[in-house]
Amino acid sequence: AKEQKSAENFDTAMHVLPVAEKMQEIHMPELTYSILMSVLTFIYEDRLIIKDVDEAVELWCTSERYQFLRLQEQVEKYLEHNLTVEKAIEICRTLRELHLLGSLKELLISYLATEIDTAMVQRD
């Protein structure tokens, strides 16, 4: 009887609050619509949607910020297969300015080192 009365009080309290007070807004001004949709699609459908390397870097930064580690790993795999030397250098310059560290920086440095080694071997 005590549990039922407690449940009734909870239901009454919920109905007293206006709908607007029940909802809470989440402000994420740093997210573009495209990145937010990519994150939600990954969370709810387990699909990765990336249109280009620039968007992949933005998505990686978002996954780092919000600790979506599995998403971060998938974005890194995308980058491993879609980087160019020019794009990797451009990203390194951006990351240097943003002071971002971590696995993306390691991936870029490793990629550039491999490309330099390949270029040196081809030149000889």
Protein backbone atom coordinates (compact mmCIF):
# COMPACT_ATOMS: atom_id res chain seq x y z
CA ALA A 1 0.00 0.00 0.00
CA LYS A 2 2.87 2.33 0.85
CA GLU A 3 4.57 1.62 -2.53
CA GLN A 4 1.30 2.23 -4.39
CA LYS A 5 0.78 5.60 -2.64
CA SER A 6 4.36 6.57 -3.47
CA ALA A 7 3.80 5.69 -7.14
CA GLU A 8 0.57 7.73 -7.18
CA ASN A 9 2.41 10.75 -5.74
CA PHE A 10 5.08 10.40 -8.43
CA ASP A 11 2.46 10.24 -11.20
CA THR A 12 0.66 13.27 -9.77
CA ALA A 13 3.90 15.23 -9.55
CA MET A 14 4.73 14.39 -13.15
CA HIS A 15 1.35 15.57 -14.39
CA VAL A 16 1.54 18.85 -12.45
CA LEU A 17 4.69 20.03 -14.25
CA PRO A 18 4.10 21.76 -17.57
CA VAL A 19 5.53 19.89 -20.57
CA ALA A 20 8.11 22.61 -21.22
CA GLU A 21 9.59 22.15 -17.75
CA LYS A 22 9.91 18.39 -18.23
CA MET A 23 12.09 18.84 -21.31
CA GLN A 24 15.66 19.98 -21.05
CA GLU A 25 17.59 21.63 -23.83
CA ILE A 26 21.04 20.44 -24.75
CA HIS A 27 23.25 23.09 -26.27
CA MET A 28 26.04 21.85 -28.52
CA PRO A 29 26.93 24.87 -30.66
CA GLU A 30 30.20 23.32 -31.87
CA LEU A 31 28.33 20.57 -33.73
CA THR A 32 27.19 21.05 -37.28
CA TYR A 33 24.02 19.36 -38.43
CA SER A 34 26.03 16.96 -40.57
CA ILE A 35 28.26 15.88 -37.69
CA LEU A 36 25.34 15.49 -35.29
CA MET A 37 23.52 13.30 -37.81
CA SER A 38 26.68 11.22 -38.32
CA VAL A 39 27.02 10.69 -34.57
CA LEU A 40 23.35 9.78 -34.14
CA THR A 41 23.41 7.46 -37.14
CA PHE A 42 26.45 5.70 -35.72
CA ILE A 43 24.89 5.37 -32.26
CA TYR A 44 21.46 4.20 -33.39
CA GLU A 45 22.17 2.37 -36.66
CA ASP A 46 25.83 1.38 -36.26
CA ARG A 47 26.62 2.97 -39.63
CA LEU A 48 29.41 5.41 -40.37
CA ILE A 49 28.47 8.29 -42.66
CA ILE A 50 31.40 10.44 -43.79
CA LYS A 51 31.45 12.45 -47.01
CA ASP A 52 35.14 13.45 -47.03
CA VAL A 53 38.36 13.64 -45.03
CA ASP A 54 37.56 17.11 -43.63
CA GLU A 55 34.29 15.84 -42.22
CA ALA A 56 36.09 12.78 -40.86
CA VAL A 57 38.47 15.00 -38.90
CA GLU A 58 35.57 17.03 -37.52
CA LEU A 59 33.78 13.80 -36.57
CA TRP A 60 36.98 12.49 -34.94
CA CYS A 61 37.27 15.68 -32.85
CA THR A 62 33.64 15.32 -31.78
CA SER A 63 34.12 11.67 -30.86
CA GLU A 64 37.20 12.64 -28.85
CA ARG A 65 35.36 15.46 -27.07
CA TYR A 66 32.39 13.27 -26.10
CA GLN A 67 34.40 10.06 -25.62
CA PHE A 68 32.69 7.98 -28.33
CA LEU A 69 35.67 5.65 -28.49
CA ARG A 70 34.22 3.14 -30.94
CA LEU A 71 33.22 5.93 -33.31
CA GLN A 72 36.70 7.39 -32.97
CA GLU A 73 38.25 4.06 -33.96
CA GLN A 74 36.00 3.75 -37.01
CA VAL A 75 36.83 7.30 -38.14
CA GLU A 76 40.53 6.51 -37.80
CA LYS A 77 40.05 3.46 -40.06
CA TYR A 78 38.30 5.68 -42.61
CA LEU A 79 41.19 8.15 -42.48
CA GLU A 80 43.80 5.41 -42.89
CA HIS A 81 42.21 4.50 -46.22
CA ASN A 82 41.40 8.00 -47.48
CA LEU A 83 44.30 10.27 -46.54
CA THR A 84 46.58 11.98 -49.00
CA VAL A 85 49.93 13.53 -48.12
CA GLU A 86 48.57 17.03 -48.76
CA LYS A 87 45.51 16.45 -46.59
CA ALA A 88 47.57 14.89 -43.78
CA ILE A 89 49.89 17.92 -43.72
CA GLU A 90 46.89 20.29 -43.70
CA ILE A 91 45.33 18.38 -40.78
CA CYS A 92 48.62 18.43 -38.84
CA ARG A 93 48.78 22.20 -39.21
CA THR A 94 45.21 22.52 -37.94
CA LEU A 95 45.83 20.17 -35.02
CA ARG A 96 48.95 22.07 -34.07
CA GLU A 97 46.88 25.22 -33.84
CA LEU A 98 44.14 23.47 -31.83
CA HIS A 99 46.64 21.70 -29.57
CA LEU A 100 44.87 18.39 -30.19
CA LEU A 101 46.86 15.32 -29.34
CA GLY A 102 46.07 11.67 -29.24
CA SER A 103 45.56 8.84 -31.62
CA LEU A 104 44.71 11.03 -34.63
CA LYS A 105 48.03 12.83 -34.41
CA GLU A 106 49.80 9.47 -34.11
CA LEU A 107 47.91 8.18 -37.15
CA LEU A 108 48.89 11.22 -39.22
CA ILE A 109 52.55 11.09 -38.24
CA SER A 110 52.69 7.37 -38.97
CA TYR A 111 51.01 7.91 -42.34
CA LEU A 112 53.40 10.71 -43.30
CA ALA A 113 56.43 8.71 -42.18
CA THR A 114 55.33 5.77 -44.34
CA GLU A 115 54.76 8.05 -47.32
CA ILE A 116 58.20 9.64 -46.88
CA ASP A 117 59.81 6.18 -46.72
CA THR A 118 57.94 5.12 -49.85
CA ALA A 119 58.98 8.30 -51.68
CA MET A 120 62.62 7.81 -50.67
CA VAL A 121 62.64 4.21 -51.90
CA GLN A 122 61.02 5.19 -55.22
CA ARG A 123 63.53 8.01 -55.72
CA ASP A 124 66.52 5.71 -55.22
